[in-house]
Protein backbone atom coordinates (compact mmCIF):
# COMPACT_ATOMS: atom_id res chain seq x y z
CA MET A 1 4.36 -5.20 17.71
CA ARG A 2 2.52 -2.84 19.95
CA LYS A 3 -0.72 -0.90 20.36
CA PRO A 4 -0.39 2.88 20.50
CA ASP A 5 -3.03 2.91 23.10
CA CYS A 6 -4.72 0.02 24.76
CA PRO A 7 -6.82 -1.94 24.54
CA ARG A 8 -8.02 -1.67 20.92
CA TRP A 9 -6.05 -0.69 17.80
CA LYS A 10 -7.83 1.30 15.12
CA PHE A 11 -5.91 3.05 12.39
CA ALA A 12 -6.23 4.59 8.91
CA ALA A 13 -4.00 6.32 6.21
CA GLY A 14 -1.68 7.08 3.17
CA ALA A 15 1.63 7.94 1.25
CA MET A 16 5.26 9.29 1.79
CA THR A 17 8.87 10.87 1.43
CA LEU A 18 11.47 10.68 4.23
CA VAL A 19 12.95 13.70 5.98
CA ALA A 20 15.84 13.95 8.49
CA ALA A 21 16.26 10.20 8.94
CA PHE A 22 15.78 9.10 5.32
CA ALA A 23 16.69 9.82 1.71
CA ALA A 24 13.98 9.46 -0.97
CA VAL A 25 14.06 8.54 -4.65
CA ALA A 26 11.18 8.12 -7.12
CA ALA A 27 10.56 5.08 -9.32
CA CYS A 28 8.02 3.84 -11.89
CA GLY A 29 6.62 0.66 -13.47
CA SER A 30 3.59 -0.90 -15.23
CA ASP A 31 0.31 -2.69 -14.53
CA ALA A 32 0.08 -5.90 -12.48
CA ASP A 33 -2.04 -7.68 -9.91
CA SER A 34 -1.01 -9.50 -6.78
CA ALA A 35 -0.40 -13.21 -6.40
CA ALA A 36 -2.01 -15.10 -3.54
CA PRO A 37 0.44 -15.80 -0.73
CA PRO A 38 1.47 -19.42 -0.22
CA ALA A 39 0.15 -21.37 2.73
CA ALA A 40 2.12 -21.20 5.94
CA GLY A 41 4.85 -23.79 6.33
CA PRO A 42 6.07 -25.49 9.49
CA HIS A 43 7.06 -23.41 12.48
CA SER A 44 10.70 -22.37 12.19
CA ALA A 45 13.26 -20.15 13.83
CA HIS A 46 13.38 -16.53 12.66
CA SER A 47 15.52 -16.55 9.54
CA GLY A 48 13.95 -14.85 6.56
CA GLY A 49 12.93 -11.51 5.11
CA SER A 50 11.00 -10.47 2.02
CA SER A 51 12.40 -12.08 -1.11
CA ALA A 52 9.56 -11.58 -3.60
CA PRO A 53 10.27 -9.14 -6.45
CA PRO A 54 8.31 -5.87 -6.36
CA GLN A 55 5.01 -5.87 -8.24
CA PRO A 56 4.78 -3.31 -11.06
CA LEU A 57 2.68 -0.17 -10.83
CA ARG A 58 -0.95 -0.20 -11.84
CA ALA A 59 -2.80 2.59 -13.63
CA GLY A 60 -2.67 5.87 -11.70
CA GLU A 61 -0.07 4.69 -9.16
CA ARG A 62 3.46 5.93 -8.46
CA PHE A 63 6.27 4.61 -6.30
CA LEU A 64 8.16 6.46 -3.62
CA ASP A 65 11.30 4.64 -2.45
CA VAL A 66 12.78 5.69 0.89
CA LYS A 67 15.86 4.43 2.69
CA MET A 68 17.39 5.18 6.05
CA ALA A 69 19.88 8.02 5.55
CA GLU A 70 22.42 6.18 7.70
CA ALA A 71 22.90 2.78 9.24
CA TYR A 72 21.70 2.20 12.79
CA THR A 73 23.11 -0.26 15.33
CA PRO A 74 20.44 -1.35 17.86
CA THR A 75 21.26 -1.14 21.56
CA PRO A 76 18.47 -2.73 23.65
CA PRO A 77 17.81 -0.96 26.99
CA GLU A 78 17.57 -2.42 30.50
CA GLY A 79 19.82 -5.36 29.69
CA GLY A 80 17.17 -6.71 27.31
CA THR A 81 17.37 -8.15 23.83
CA ASP A 82 14.78 -5.94 22.09
CA GLU A 83 14.72 -2.35 20.84
CA TYR A 84 11.90 -0.52 19.10
CA ARG A 85 13.27 2.38 17.02
CA CYS A 86 11.08 5.00 15.32
CA GLN A 87 11.99 7.45 12.58
CA MET A 88 10.10 10.33 10.97
CA ILE A 89 8.85 10.20 7.40
CA ASP A 90 7.66 13.38 5.66
CA PRO A 91 5.62 12.60 2.52
CA GLY A 92 5.78 16.26 1.49
CA LEU A 93 2.17 16.04 0.34
CA THR A 94 0.48 19.15 -1.01
CA LYS A 95 -2.74 17.29 -1.82
CA THR A 96 -4.56 14.24 -0.56
CA ALA A 97 -3.14 10.88 -1.62
CA PHE A 98 -3.90 7.21 -0.96
CA LEU A 99 -1.43 4.51 0.00
CA THR A 100 -2.39 1.38 -1.93
CA GLY A 101 0.65 -0.77 -1.15
CA THR A 102 3.79 -0.84 0.98
CA GLN A 103 6.86 -3.05 0.89
CA PHE A 104 9.36 -2.91 3.74
CA ALA A 105 12.81 -4.24 2.81
CA PRO A 106 14.88 -5.17 5.88
CA GLU A 107 18.62 -4.99 5.25
CA ASN A 108 19.63 -7.00 8.33
CA VAL A 109 17.01 -9.76 8.49
CA ALA A 110 18.84 -11.47 11.35
CA ILE A 111 17.74 -8.74 13.79
CA ALA A 112 14.51 -7.44 12.20
CA HIS A 113 11.44 -8.73 14.09
CA HIS A 114 8.78 -6.47 12.57
CA ALA A 115 8.14 -3.00 11.15
CA ILE A 116 5.04 -0.80 11.32
CA VAL A 117 4.26 2.40 9.42
CA TYR A 118 2.00 4.87 11.27
CA ALA A 119 0.34 7.92 9.70
CA VAL A 120 0.06 11.02 11.89
CA PRO A 121 -2.54 13.64 10.83
CA PRO A 122 -1.51 17.27 10.25
CA GLY A 123 -2.58 18.25 13.78
CA GLY A 124 -0.03 15.85 15.28
CA ALA A 125 2.86 16.71 12.94
CA ALA A 126 4.41 19.32 15.25
CA ALA A 127 4.73 16.78 18.08
CA VAL A 128 6.49 14.32 15.77
CA ARG A 129 8.91 16.99 14.52
CA LYS A 130 9.65 18.04 18.10
CA GLN A 131 10.37 14.42 19.10
CA ASN A 132 12.64 13.96 16.09
CA ALA A 133 14.55 17.19 16.78
CA LYS A 134 15.16 16.58 20.47
CA THR A 135 16.52 13.03 20.10
CA PRO A 136 20.22 12.68 19.24
CA GLY A 137 21.15 10.38 16.38
CA LEU A 138 18.83 8.46 14.13
CA GLY A 139 15.22 8.41 15.37
CA TRP A 140 14.07 7.61 18.90
CA GLN A 141 13.15 4.65 21.12
CA CYS A 142 9.44 3.84 20.88
CA PHE A 143 8.06 0.97 22.94
CA GLY A 144 4.30 1.48 22.91
CA GLY A 145 3.50 2.77 19.42
CA THR A 146 4.98 5.91 17.89
CA GLY A 147 6.69 6.97 21.11
CA VAL A 148 5.48 10.53 20.52
CA ALA A 149 3.53 12.25 23.28
CA GLY A 150 0.81 14.46 21.84
CA ALA A 151 0.77 12.78 18.42
CA GLU A 152 -2.85 11.76 18.91
CA VAL A 153 -4.98 14.87 18.61
CA GLU A 154 -8.54 15.93 17.80
CA GLU A 155 -7.90 15.54 14.07
CA GLY A 156 -7.51 11.79 14.50
CA ASP A 157 -5.36 9.04 15.97
CA ALA A 158 -1.98 7.95 14.72
CA ALA A 159 -3.04 5.53 12.00
CA TRP A 160 -1.48 2.11 11.45
CA VAL A 161 -1.09 1.81 7.66
CA ASP A 162 1.35 -1.04 7.10
CA THR A 163 2.93 -3.98 8.90
CA TRP A 164 5.91 -6.08 7.90
CA ALA A 165 6.83 -9.32 9.63
CA PRO A 166 9.16 -12.08 8.39
CA GLY A 167 7.90 -13.54 5.13
CA ALA A 168 5.58 -10.64 4.36
CA THR A 169 5.37 -9.28 0.83
CA GLU A 170 3.34 -6.45 -0.68
CA THR A 171 -0.30 -7.52 -0.96
CA LEU A 172 -2.45 -5.50 -3.36
CA LEU A 173 -6.22 -5.36 -3.17
CA THR A 174 -8.09 -5.51 -6.47
CA GLN A 175 -10.66 -3.02 -5.14
CA ASP A 176 -10.29 0.77 -5.50
CA ALA A 177 -9.12 1.29 -1.91
CA GLY A 178 -6.21 2.75 0.02
CA TYR A 179 -5.08 4.44 3.23
CA LYS A 180 -5.83 8.16 3.03
CA LEU A 181 -3.20 10.81 3.79
CA GLU A 182 -4.10 14.47 4.07
CA PRO A 183 -1.64 17.26 3.10
CA GLY A 184 0.76 17.97 5.94
CA SER A 185 0.57 14.44 7.38
CA LEU A 186 3.71 12.72 8.59
CA LEU A 187 4.53 9.06 8.95
CA VAL A 188 6.50 7.24 11.58
CA LEU A 189 8.39 4.04 10.77
CA GLN A 190 8.78 1.74 13.76
CA ILE A 191 11.31 -1.09 13.50
CA HIS A 192 11.53 -3.77 16.18
CA TYR A 193 15.07 -5.11 16.44
CA ASN A 194 15.69 -8.36 18.31
CA LEU A 195 19.14 -9.43 19.51
CA LEU A 196 18.28 -12.72 21.20
CA ALA A 197 21.02 -14.49 19.25
CA THR A 198 23.71 -12.29 20.83
CA ASP A 199 22.15 -11.85 24.29
CA GLY A 200 21.47 -8.19 23.55
CA LYS A 201 24.99 -7.33 22.45
CA PRO A 202 25.44 -5.33 19.20
CA ALA A 203 24.85 -7.60 16.21
CA GLY A 204 25.58 -5.34 13.27
CA SER A 205 23.87 -2.32 11.82
CA ASP A 206 20.73 -1.98 9.73
CA ARG A 207 19.80 0.36 6.90
CA SER A 208 16.37 -0.77 5.78
CA ALA A 209 14.16 0.73 3.08
CA VAL A 210 10.46 1.15 2.31
CA ARG A 211 8.72 1.33 -1.05
CA LEU A 212 5.40 3.22 -1.00
CA ARG A 213 2.74 2.86 -3.69
CA LEU A 214 0.67 6.06 -4.02
CA THR A 215 -2.30 7.23 -6.03
CA ASP A 216 -4.39 10.39 -6.10
CA GLY A 217 -7.56 8.34 -5.77
CA THR A 218 -11.06 9.02 -7.07
CA PRO A 219 -14.37 10.02 -5.42
CA GLN A 220 -15.12 6.29 -5.28
CA THR A 221 -11.85 5.24 -3.56
CA ARG A 222 -12.58 3.37 -0.33
CA GLU A 223 -10.61 4.48 2.75
CA LEU A 224 -8.86 1.62 4.48
CA GLU A 225 -8.22 1.17 8.18
CA THR A 226 -6.35 -1.44 10.20
CA TRP A 227 -8.29 -3.13 12.98
CA SER A 228 -6.28 -5.17 15.44
CA LEU A 229 -8.03 -7.97 17.33
CA ASP A 230 -6.02 -9.14 20.33
CA ALA A 231 -6.38 -11.85 22.95
CA PRO A 232 -4.48 -12.49 26.18
CA THR A 233 -1.42 -14.70 26.45
CA ASP A 234 -1.30 -16.73 29.67
CA LEU A 235 1.10 -19.56 28.88
CA PRO A 236 2.43 -21.33 32.01
CA CYS A 237 5.81 -23.03 32.20
CA ALA A 238 5.80 -26.62 30.97
CA ALA A 239 5.30 -29.35 33.56
CA ASP A 240 9.02 -30.16 33.64
CA GLU A 241 10.11 -26.50 33.96
CA SER A 242 10.63 -24.38 37.05
CA GLY A 243 12.20 -21.08 38.05
CA PRO A 244 11.38 -17.62 39.43
CA LEU A 245 9.83 -16.40 36.15
CA CYS A 246 7.36 -19.30 36.15
CA ASP A 247 5.33 -17.13 38.52
CA ARG A 248 2.87 -14.94 36.58
CA ALA A 249 3.33 -11.82 38.73
CA THR A 250 7.12 -12.10 38.57
CA SER A 251 7.00 -12.49 34.79
CA ILE A 252 4.78 -9.39 34.45
CA ALA A 253 7.20 -7.44 36.65
CA ASP A 254 10.02 -8.50 34.30
CA VAL A 255 8.08 -7.29 31.24
CA THR A 256 7.39 -3.99 33.03
CA LYS A 257 11.08 -3.53 33.80
CA ARG A 258 12.09 -4.14 30.19
CA PHE A 259 9.39 -2.16 28.41
CA GLY A 260 7.72 0.15 30.91
CA PRO A 261 4.38 0.17 32.76
CA GLU A 262 2.17 0.64 29.69
CA VAL A 263 3.38 -2.66 28.24
CA GLY A 264 3.51 -4.33 31.64
CA GLU A 265 -0.15 -3.54 32.30
CA MET A 266 -1.34 -5.21 29.10
CA ALA A 267 -1.58 -8.76 30.48
CA ASP A 268 -4.04 -7.86 33.24
CA ARG A 269 -5.88 -5.34 31.06
CA GLN A 270 -6.56 -7.95 28.38
CA VAL A 271 -7.71 -10.50 30.94
CA GLU A 272 -10.16 -7.97 32.37
CA GLU A 273 -11.60 -7.23 28.95
CA CYS A 274 -11.61 -10.69 27.42
CA ASN A 275 -12.26 -13.12 30.28
CA GLN A 276 -15.61 -13.24 32.02
CA GLY A 277 -14.91 -12.58 35.66
CA GLY A 278 -11.60 -10.89 34.89
CA ALA A 279 -9.41 -13.81 36.01
CA PRO A 280 -6.45 -15.28 34.10
CA LYS A 281 -7.07 -18.63 32.39
CA PRO A 282 -3.65 -20.28 32.22
CA GLY A 283 -3.32 -22.55 29.22
CA ASP A 284 -2.15 -23.05 25.64
CA THR A 285 -5.21 -21.49 23.99
CA GLN A 286 -6.77 -18.08 24.63
CA THR A 287 -9.67 -16.24 22.98
CA CYS A 288 -11.24 -12.80 22.96
CA ASP A 289 -14.50 -11.53 21.45
CA HIS A 290 -14.54 -8.09 19.80
CA GLU A 291 -17.88 -6.43 19.14
CA VAL A 292 -18.25 -4.69 15.78
CA GLU A 293 -19.40 -1.15 16.50
CA ALA A 294 -19.84 0.29 12.99
CA PRO A 295 -20.60 -0.93 9.45
CA MET A 296 -17.45 -1.95 7.58
CA THR A 297 -16.12 -4.16 4.83
CA LEU A 298 -13.46 -6.73 5.69
CA PHE A 299 -10.89 -7.23 2.90
CA ALA A 300 -7.85 -9.06 4.30
CA GLY A 301 -5.95 -10.06 7.43
CA PHE A 302 -2.98 -11.80 8.95
CA GLY A 303 -2.09 -13.30 12.30
CA HIS A 304 0.81 -12.15 14.45
CA MET A 305 2.41 -14.13 17.25
CA HIS A 306 6.01 -14.69 18.31
CA MET A 307 8.24 -17.76 18.52
CA LEU A 308 5.88 -19.92 20.61
CA GLY A 309 2.89 -19.45 18.31
CA ARG A 310 1.21 -22.58 16.94
CA ALA A 311 -2.11 -21.44 15.43
CA ILE A 312 -4.34 -18.39 15.09
CA LYS A 313 -7.92 -17.99 13.88
CA VAL A 314 -10.44 -15.16 13.52
CA GLU A 315 -14.12 -16.12 13.36
CA LEU A 316 -17.17 -14.01 12.59
CA ASN A 317 -20.19 -14.69 14.83
CA PRO A 318 -18.91 -18.03 16.21
CA GLY A 319 -21.54 -20.44 17.50
CA THR A 320 -24.32 -18.98 15.33
CA PRO A 321 -25.90 -20.14 12.04
CA ASN A 322 -24.05 -17.28 10.32
CA ALA A 323 -20.62 -18.24 11.66
CA LYS A 324 -17.73 -17.72 9.26
CA VAL A 325 -13.95 -18.15 9.53
CA VAL A 326 -12.31 -15.04 8.08
CA LEU A 327 -8.70 -15.87 8.97
CA ASP A 328 -7.26 -19.31 9.65
CA VAL A 329 -3.58 -20.11 10.16
CA PRO A 330 -3.63 -23.69 11.51
CA GLN A 331 0.16 -24.01 11.41
CA PHE A 332 1.66 -20.64 12.33
CA ASP A 333 5.12 -19.93 10.92
CA PHE A 334 6.96 -16.91 12.31
CA ASP A 335 8.82 -16.60 8.99
CA ASN A 336 5.66 -16.54 6.88
CA GLN A 337 3.41 -13.84 8.34
CA ARG A 338 1.67 -12.72 5.17
CA LEU A 339 -1.41 -10.57 4.67
CA MET A 340 -4.07 -12.81 3.12
CA LYS A 341 -6.89 -11.45 1.01
CA LEU A 342 -10.32 -12.90 1.70
CA PRO A 343 -11.79 -14.83 -1.27
CA SER A 344 -14.37 -12.04 -1.38
CA PRO A 345 -14.99 -9.03 0.88
CA VAL A 346 -17.17 -9.64 3.94
CA GLU A 347 -19.68 -7.05 5.15
CA ILE A 348 -19.91 -6.69 8.94
CA GLY A 349 -21.59 -4.25 11.30
CA PRO A 350 -23.21 -3.63 14.70
CA GLY A 351 -24.43 -6.86 16.26
CA ASP A 352 -21.58 -8.88 14.79
CA THR A 353 -18.73 -10.36 16.81
CA LEU A 354 -15.18 -11.22 15.74
CA ARG A 355 -13.41 -13.79 17.91
CA VAL A 356 -9.64 -14.22 17.81
CA THR A 357 -8.17 -17.49 19.09
CA CYS A 358 -4.46 -18.24 19.54
CA THR A 359 -2.63 -21.39 20.55
CA HIS A 360 0.93 -21.21 21.91
CA ASP A 361 3.31 -24.03 22.82
CA ALA A 362 5.76 -23.68 25.71
CA GLY A 363 7.52 -26.83 24.47
CA LEU A 364 8.94 -24.88 21.53
CA ARG A 365 11.17 -22.99 23.97
CA LYS A 366 13.46 -26.04 24.17
CA GLN A 367 13.58 -26.49 20.38
CA LEU A 368 14.33 -23.00 19.06
CA PRO A 369 17.93 -21.75 19.22
CA GLN A 370 16.80 -18.22 20.09
CA LEU A 371 14.83 -19.39 23.15
CA LYS A 372 16.44 -22.58 24.47
CA LYS A 373 19.16 -20.71 26.38
CA LEU A 374 16.61 -18.49 28.20
CA PRO A 375 15.21 -19.36 31.64
CA PRO A 376 11.67 -20.79 31.70
CA ARG A 377 8.93 -18.21 32.13
CA TYR A 378 5.19 -17.84 32.44
CA VAL A 379 4.67 -16.12 29.09
CA VAL A 380 2.45 -13.04 28.98
CA TRP A 381 1.91 -10.22 26.50
CA GLY A 382 5.15 -8.33 25.90
CA ASP A 383 7.08 -6.46 23.24
CA GLY A 384 10.05 -8.83 23.15
CA THR A 385 10.54 -11.76 20.81
CA SER A 386 10.86 -13.97 23.89
CA ASP A 387 7.47 -12.70 25.10
CA GLU A 388 4.24 -13.37 23.19
CA MET A 389 1.32 -11.75 21.43
CA CYS A 390 -1.95 -12.84 19.86
CA ILE A 391 -3.24 -10.46 17.20
CA GLY A 392 -5.52 -10.79 14.20
CA ILE A 393 -4.62 -7.74 12.09
CA MET A 394 -7.51 -7.01 9.75
CA THR A 395 -7.74 -4.63 6.78
CA VAL A 396 -11.18 -2.99 6.74
CA SER A 397 -13.03 -0.06 5.20
CA PRO A 398 -15.85 1.85 6.94
CA ARG A 399 -19.13 2.13 5.08
CA LYS A 400 -22.13 4.37 5.66
CA SER A 401 -24.68 1.61 5.91
């Protein structure tokens, strides 16, 4: 999972139909509400996808089902085990619509690490079409967001509108809210494939699908955005481990080789922003404070880490009388990364602080089949499943006051 530009993620958005890379088919249903996701189980190896049945349509909604037009076989670059592949989605919208729910359905769950849907405003559509046309085969490689130069224009940034990770199911808000898509917008589906189990060698093809839940909205419909709260990862090798990659600088150079300089720079960039004095703080637990710059309502969130993740928490105004935990995953499970609705929406604004805290465990490297055959490393932020992340991904809606 990756930021389109560092160091803060902020996104908004909408609805869809696939062009060039996908075939689309409409569907329908009836009213329903969402069930609360179960609590996270014990940490496990990556093994599962989304098994929950789709929730029926509610009043005013419609489904749009899209599937990759052909199967794709991932081929990680630079001798690595990870590939990020993006594909263009054309909703064909002639009027504004709102995306109120999304369900990604991975076909090959053994190699699917995550998927993100980005919305690109009309002003950036030409750049996406150009990227799609110039790249042979199905889609294009996209470490670092959409992988489209020029997709972020004056009309607005590429907007992060949905995330799937193992165990995720469609989570529906009860409020009248959705990601807004203007006519002429395009979407980009990013799928992260991981081939750790086969040392980067081809491990079968994938032909995943996405179900989009759309509505025309009302004058009262709240516009949703995704706010990503990240913290550094500075996890040293365990005391009984040694090797060249146990050096922080060498490990960062390895990440840079595999994913490029934008990803490689993240470790130091996060340290500079999150740590007073701008120095790394090697250890299991890292934090970062994010100042709230505008009034908004917080509706839901989920935590994202990789295989060494143990726990993640997001706190509002920690250390003050008004402190509140808005996301708490005390036992992180890579196969159960579900969006969790807050018991009730939380209003936040200027003067407030959101702190994200992550705990990783280098000892898990010896326990998980995907990691135990890899050489020890000083783990920093990186796009690979064998690297790490710390992200609280929050669903918010701006408000005027």
